[in-house]
Amino acid sequence: MAKYILFDTETIGNCEEDRIIQVGAMIVDAKGEVEVFDELCSTVLPITIEAMAVHGITPDLIEGKGVFTDTSFYKTIQSLNNKENFLIAHNMGMMGHNT
């Protein structure tokens, strides 16, 4: 049964080398069941002032959090990333971009 994975991320900036510091997502199946994710992530790279002004995430909010690949959403999406399911990203400029 197909699932629809709708997600959005916040990053430390807006360049290719920037890292994810928050992911918000919903996974919906054909029965209408919904799984929700809202997770903050740490990074060794600093958050830019410009990014903080946009999303309001400051270094103290992500201190002690795991990196994106440690999140429940990342682990879940690894098993759902196949031809049967649909990945729907908000404002995604580049497909196949690793973050």
C-alpha atoms as a PDB file:
ATOM      1  CA  MET A   1       0.000   0.000   0.000  1.00  0.00           C
ATOM      2  CA  ALA A   2       1.482   3.354  -1.062  1.00  0.00           C
ATOM      3  CA  LYS A   3       2.455   5.946   1.500  1.00  0.00           C
ATOM      4  CA  TYR A   4       2.819   9.682   0.988  1.00  0.00           C
ATOM      5  CA  ILE A   5       5.785  11.220   2.794  1.00  0.00           C
ATOM      6  CA  LEU A   6       5.394  15.002   3.033  1.00  0.00           C
ATOM      7  CA  PHE A   7       8.329  16.824   4.571  1.00  0.00           C
ATOM      8  CA  ASP A   8      10.120  20.112   5.048  1.00  0.00           C
ATOM      9  CA  THR A   9      13.521  20.921   6.491  1.00  0.00           C
ATOM     10  CA  GLU A  10      15.286  23.853   8.057  1.00  0.00           C
ATOM     11  CA  THR A  11      19.033  24.188   7.486  1.00  0.00           C
ATOM     12  CA  ILE A  12      22.024  26.161   8.751  1.00  0.00           C
ATOM     13  CA  GLY A  13      21.982  28.288   5.595  1.00  0.00           C
ATOM     14  CA  ASN A  14      21.051  28.099   1.927  1.00  0.00           C
ATOM     15  CA  CYS A  15      24.186  26.652   0.310  1.00  0.00           C
ATOM     16  CA  GLU A  16      24.790  23.124  -0.969  1.00  0.00           C
ATOM     17  CA  GLU A  17      27.164  22.257   1.889  1.00  0.00           C
ATOM     18  CA  ASP A  18      24.680  23.344   4.590  1.00  0.00           C
ATOM     19  CA  ARG A  19      23.175  20.785   6.939  1.00  0.00           C
ATOM     20  CA  ILE A  20      19.663  20.005   8.176  1.00  0.00           C
ATOM     21  CA  ILE A  21      18.837  21.154  11.716  1.00  0.00           C
ATOM     22  CA  GLN A  22      15.096  20.473  11.733  1.00  0.00           C
ATOM     23  CA  VAL A  23      12.733  18.174   9.887  1.00  0.00           C
ATOM     24  CA  GLY A  24       8.967  18.271   9.973  1.00  0.00           C
ATOM     25  CA  ALA A  25       7.059  15.501   8.236  1.00  0.00           C
ATOM     26  CA  MET A  26       3.824  13.593   7.866  1.00  0.00           C
ATOM     27  CA  ILE A  27       3.498  10.096   6.495  1.00  0.00           C
ATOM     28  CA  VAL A  28      -0.007   9.285   5.270  1.00  0.00           C
ATOM     29  CA  ASP A  29      -1.196   5.919   4.023  1.00  0.00           C
ATOM     30  CA  ALA A  30      -4.214   4.958   1.896  1.00  0.00           C
ATOM     31  CA  LYS A  31      -6.269   4.271   5.029  1.00  0.00           C
ATOM     32  CA  GLY A  32      -5.717   7.858   6.174  1.00  0.00           C
ATOM     33  CA  GLU A  33      -3.428   6.896   9.046  1.00  0.00           C
ATOM     34  CA  VAL A  34      -0.914   9.654   9.790  1.00  0.00           C
ATOM     35  CA  GLU A  35       2.515   9.531  11.428  1.00  0.00           C
ATOM     36  CA  VAL A  36       4.013  12.921  12.381  1.00  0.00           C
ATOM     37  CA  PHE A  37       7.653  13.919  12.899  1.00  0.00           C
ATOM     38  CA  ASP A  38       9.096  17.190  14.242  1.00  0.00           C
ATOM     39  CA  GLU A  39      12.757  16.752  15.099  1.00  0.00           C
ATOM     40  CA  LEU A  40      15.671  19.092  15.763  1.00  0.00           C
ATOM     41  CA  CYS A  41      19.180  18.013  14.737  1.00  0.00           C
ATOM     42  CA  SER A  42      22.682  19.121  15.667  1.00  0.00           C
ATOM     43  CA  THR A  43      25.562  19.890  13.340  1.00  0.00           C
ATOM     44  CA  VAL A  44      29.233  20.730  13.745  1.00  0.00           C
ATOM     45  CA  LEU A  45      28.835  23.627  11.298  1.00  0.00           C
ATOM     46  CA  PRO A  46      27.513  26.957  12.627  1.00  0.00           C
ATOM     47  CA  ILE A  47      24.027  28.264  11.834  1.00  0.00           C
ATOM     48  CA  THR A  48      24.209  31.471   9.791  1.00  0.00           C
ATOM     49  CA  ILE A  49      22.664  34.645  11.178  1.00  0.00           C
ATOM     50  CA  GLU A  50      20.502  34.852   8.043  1.00  0.00           C
ATOM     51  CA  ALA A  51      19.146  31.331   8.599  1.00  0.00           C
ATOM     52  CA  MET A  52      18.393  32.041  12.273  1.00  0.00           C
ATOM     53  CA  ALA A  53      16.441  35.131  11.204  1.00  0.00           C
ATOM     54  CA  VAL A  54      14.283  32.958   8.911  1.00  0.00           C
ATOM     55  CA  HIS A  55      13.564  29.928  11.107  1.00  0.00           C
ATOM     56  CA  GLY A  56      14.414  31.096  14.629  1.00  0.00           C
ATOM     57  CA  ILE A  57      16.485  28.008  15.437  1.00  0.00           C
ATOM     58  CA  THR A  58      19.500  28.975  17.547  1.00  0.00           C
ATOM     59  CA  PRO A  59      22.556  26.928  18.557  1.00  0.00           C
ATOM     60  CA  ASP A  60      21.202  26.407  22.085  1.00  0.00           C
ATOM     61  CA  LEU A  61      18.033  24.759  20.696  1.00  0.00           C
ATOM     62  CA  ILE A  62      20.015  22.054  18.887  1.00  0.00           C
ATOM     63  CA  GLU A  63      22.736  21.553  21.496  1.00  0.00           C
ATOM     64  CA  GLY A  64      22.921  17.905  22.504  1.00  0.00           C
ATOM     65  CA  LYS A  65      20.644  16.712  19.682  1.00  0.00           C
ATOM     66  CA  GLY A  66      21.718  13.956  17.305  1.00  0.00           C
ATOM     67  CA  VAL A  67      22.592  14.657  13.681  1.00  0.00           C
ATOM     68  CA  PHE A  68      19.938  14.299  10.961  1.00  0.00           C
ATOM     69  CA  THR A  69      20.894  10.692  10.197  1.00  0.00           C
ATOM     70  CA  ASP A  70      20.138   9.819  13.847  1.00  0.00           C
ATOM     71  CA  THR A  71      16.525  11.068  13.671  1.00  0.00           C
ATOM     72  CA  SER A  72      13.502   8.801  13.666  1.00  0.00           C
ATOM     73  CA  PHE A  73      12.362  10.421  10.404  1.00  0.00           C
ATOM     74  CA  TYR A  74      15.634   9.632   8.605  1.00  0.00           C
ATOM     75  CA  LYS A  75      15.534   6.017   9.751  1.00  0.00           C
ATOM     76  CA  THR A  76      11.883   5.704   8.712  1.00  0.00           C
ATOM     77  CA  ILE A  77      12.348   7.305   5.298  1.00  0.00           C
ATOM     78  CA  GLN A  78      15.202   4.911   4.492  1.00  0.00           C
ATOM     79  CA  SER A  79      12.746   2.023   4.555  1.00  0.00           C
ATOM     80  CA  LEU A  80      10.037   3.946   2.668  1.00  0.00           C
ATOM     81  CA  ASN A  81      12.179   5.395  -0.121  1.00  0.00           C
ATOM     82  CA  ASN A  82      11.049   3.074  -2.917  1.00  0.00           C
ATOM     83  CA  LYS A  83       8.950   3.108  -6.104  1.00  0.00           C
ATOM     84  CA  GLU A  84       5.727   2.293  -4.240  1.00  0.00           C
ATOM     85  CA  ASN A  85       5.773   5.464  -2.110  1.00  0.00           C
ATOM     86  CA  PHE A  86       5.707   9.181  -2.865  1.00  0.00           C
ATOM     87  CA  LEU A  87       8.206  11.669  -1.402  1.00  0.00           C
ATOM     88  CA  ILE A  88       6.770  15.192  -1.384  1.00  0.00           C
ATOM     89  CA  ALA A  89       9.184  17.921  -0.295  1.00  0.00           C
ATOM     90  CA  HIS A  90       8.358  21.552   0.433  1.00  0.00           C
ATOM     91  CA  ASN A  91      10.462  24.033  -1.540  1.00  0.00           C
ATOM     92  CA  MET A  92      13.012  21.433  -2.698  1.00  0.00           C
ATOM     93  CA  GLY A  93      15.229  22.957  -5.340  1.00  0.00           C
ATOM     94  CA  MET A  94      17.481  19.993  -6.142  1.00  0.00           C
ATOM     95  CA  MET A  95      16.449  16.364  -6.427  1.00  0.00           C
ATOM     96  CA  GLY A  96      18.922  13.784  -5.164  1.00  0.00           C
ATOM     97  CA  HIS A  97      20.834  16.307  -3.034  1.00  0.00           C
ATOM     98  CA  ASN A  98      22.446  14.625  -0.013  1.00  0.00           C
ATOM     99  CA  THR A  99      22.237  16.553   3.245  1.00  0.00           C
END
